[in-house]
Amino acid sequence: MASNDPLKNMTEFQRVWLEAWANGTRQMVEMWRHMFDLQQNFLKKAAEQHHRWHTEISDGASFTDKYGKRSHDIDPERDV
């Protein structure tokens, strides 16, 4: 025979809803953790594969730079 107590049914409903919410939240956190792990692995592999180890980047004229002797310098008298 079914119970006519509405609070018992409401309590059971709240318990089931709370369990469902907790399981959904746990699965969402696991999904985010998995996505972050995949992203970290992707970035690590990209950094290892495309990292420039010996790239000289000139920052302009300085005492130690070979400014004016590089092949990509612009000669205003020649390029006009």
C-alpha atoms as a PDB file:
ATOM      1  CA  MET A   1       0.000   0.000   0.000  1.00  0.00           C
ATOM      2  CA  ALA A   2       1.360   3.426  -0.972  1.00  0.00           C
ATOM      3  CA  SER A   3       2.131   5.916   1.730  1.00  0.00           C
ATOM      4  CA  ASN A   4       0.207   9.181   1.681  1.00  0.00           C
ATOM      5  CA  ASP A   5       2.985  11.117   3.437  1.00  0.00           C
ATOM      6  CA  PRO A   6       4.110  13.848   0.945  1.00  0.00           C
ATOM      7  CA  LEU A   7       7.222  14.667   2.975  1.00  0.00           C
ATOM      8  CA  LYS A   8       8.525  11.109   2.638  1.00  0.00           C
ATOM      9  CA  ASN A   9       8.208  11.273  -1.138  1.00  0.00           C
ATOM     10  CA  MET A  10       9.761  14.763  -1.202  1.00  0.00           C
ATOM     11  CA  THR A  11      12.684  13.583   0.919  1.00  0.00           C
ATOM     12  CA  GLU A  12      13.233  10.620  -1.377  1.00  0.00           C
ATOM     13  CA  PHE A  13      13.011  12.917  -4.421  1.00  0.00           C
ATOM     14  CA  GLN A  14      15.572  15.311  -2.917  1.00  0.00           C
ATOM     15  CA  ARG A  15      17.935  12.431  -2.077  1.00  0.00           C
ATOM     16  CA  VAL A  16      17.742  11.025  -5.599  1.00  0.00           C
ATOM     17  CA  TRP A  17      18.147  14.497  -7.120  1.00  0.00           C
ATOM     18  CA  LEU A  18      21.189  15.209  -4.930  1.00  0.00           C
ATOM     19  CA  GLU A  19      22.804  11.895  -5.922  1.00  0.00           C
ATOM     20  CA  ALA A  20      22.183  12.625  -9.610  1.00  0.00           C
ATOM     21  CA  TRP A  21      23.614  16.132  -9.222  1.00  0.00           C
ATOM     22  CA  ALA A  22      26.706  14.813  -7.424  1.00  0.00           C
ATOM     23  CA  ASN A  23      27.309  12.160 -10.100  1.00  0.00           C
ATOM     24  CA  GLY A  24      26.879  14.713 -12.882  1.00  0.00           C
ATOM     25  CA  THR A  25      29.268  17.117 -11.186  1.00  0.00           C
ATOM     26  CA  ARG A  26      31.855  14.357 -10.680  1.00  0.00           C
ATOM     27  CA  GLN A  27      31.643  13.343 -14.333  1.00  0.00           C
ATOM     28  CA  MET A  28      31.964  16.984 -15.421  1.00  0.00           C
ATOM     29  CA  VAL A  29      35.099  17.460 -13.290  1.00  0.00           C
ATOM     30  CA  GLU A  30      36.617  14.263 -14.703  1.00  0.00           C
ATOM     31  CA  MET A  31      35.863  15.478 -18.243  1.00  0.00           C
ATOM     32  CA  TRP A  32      37.541  18.843 -17.552  1.00  0.00           C
ATOM     33  CA  ARG A  33      40.573  17.102 -16.017  1.00  0.00           C
ATOM     34  CA  HIS A  34      40.850  14.831 -19.052  1.00  0.00           C
ATOM     35  CA  MET A  35      40.577  17.824 -21.411  1.00  0.00           C
ATOM     36  CA  PHE A  36      43.285  19.738 -19.513  1.00  0.00           C
ATOM     37  CA  ASP A  37      45.579  16.693 -19.608  1.00  0.00           C
ATOM     38  CA  LEU A  38      45.081  16.365 -23.360  1.00  0.00           C
ATOM     39  CA  GLN A  39      45.743  20.082 -23.822  1.00  0.00           C
ATOM     40  CA  GLN A  40      48.947  19.902 -21.750  1.00  0.00           C
ATOM     41  CA  ASN A  41      50.174  16.892 -23.750  1.00  0.00           C
ATOM     42  CA  PHE A  42      49.380  18.662 -27.017  1.00  0.00           C
ATOM     43  CA  LEU A  43      51.224  21.825 -25.981  1.00  0.00           C
ATOM     44  CA  LYS A  44      54.210  19.834 -24.687  1.00  0.00           C
ATOM     45  CA  LYS A  45      54.516  17.911 -27.968  1.00  0.00           C
ATOM     46  CA  ALA A  46      54.106  21.109 -30.005  1.00  0.00           C
ATOM     47  CA  ALA A  47      56.804  22.848 -27.944  1.00  0.00           C
ATOM     48  CA  GLU A  48      59.177  19.905 -28.385  1.00  0.00           C
ATOM     49  CA  GLN A  49      58.542  19.626 -32.110  1.00  0.00           C
ATOM     50  CA  HIS A  50      58.534  23.301 -33.107  1.00  0.00           C
ATOM     51  CA  HIS A  51      60.924  24.819 -30.606  1.00  0.00           C
ATOM     52  CA  ARG A  52      63.723  26.909 -32.056  1.00  0.00           C
ATOM     53  CA  TRP A  53      66.950  26.134 -30.276  1.00  0.00           C
ATOM     54  CA  HIS A  54      69.546  28.216 -32.112  1.00  0.00           C
ATOM     55  CA  THR A  55      67.756  31.187 -33.546  1.00  0.00           C
ATOM     56  CA  GLU A  56      69.580  34.467 -33.501  1.00  0.00           C
ATOM     57  CA  ILE A  57      67.221  37.383 -33.349  1.00  0.00           C
ATOM     58  CA  SER A  58      68.863  40.706 -33.933  1.00  0.00           C
ATOM     59  CA  ASP A  59      67.614  43.522 -31.756  1.00  0.00           C
ATOM     60  CA  GLY A  60      69.215  46.332 -33.728  1.00  0.00           C
ATOM     61  CA  ALA A  61      72.552  48.087 -33.573  1.00  0.00           C
ATOM     62  CA  SER A  62      74.750  47.200 -30.644  1.00  0.00           C
ATOM     63  CA  PHE A  63      78.454  46.775 -29.961  1.00  0.00           C
ATOM     64  CA  THR A  64      78.277  42.975 -30.228  1.00  0.00           C
ATOM     65  CA  ASP A  65      75.854  42.800 -33.167  1.00  0.00           C
ATOM     66  CA  LYS A  66      77.020  42.561 -36.763  1.00  0.00           C
ATOM     67  CA  TYR A  67      74.715  45.343 -37.790  1.00  0.00           C
ATOM     68  CA  GLY A  68      75.149  46.371 -41.396  1.00  0.00           C
ATOM     69  CA  LYS A  69      76.810  43.083 -42.413  1.00  0.00           C
ATOM     70  CA  ARG A  70      73.688  40.944 -42.431  1.00  0.00           C
ATOM     71  CA  SER A  71      72.141  39.860 -45.710  1.00  0.00           C
ATOM     72  CA  HIS A  72      68.658  41.050 -44.798  1.00  0.00           C
ATOM     73  CA  ASP A  73      69.575  44.644 -43.954  1.00  0.00           C
ATOM     74  CA  ILE A  74      68.066  47.378 -46.043  1.00  0.00           C
ATOM     75  CA  ASP A  75      70.459  49.604 -47.948  1.00  0.00           C
ATOM     76  CA  PRO A  76      68.527  52.849 -48.564  1.00  0.00           C
ATOM     77  CA  GLU A  77      70.845  53.947 -51.385  1.00  0.00           C
ATOM     78  CA  ARG A  78      70.641  50.619 -53.215  1.00  0.00           C
ATOM     79  CA  ASP A  79      66.934  49.853 -52.603  1.00  0.00           C
ATOM     80  CA  VAL A  80      65.560  53.246 -53.698  1.00  0.00           C
END
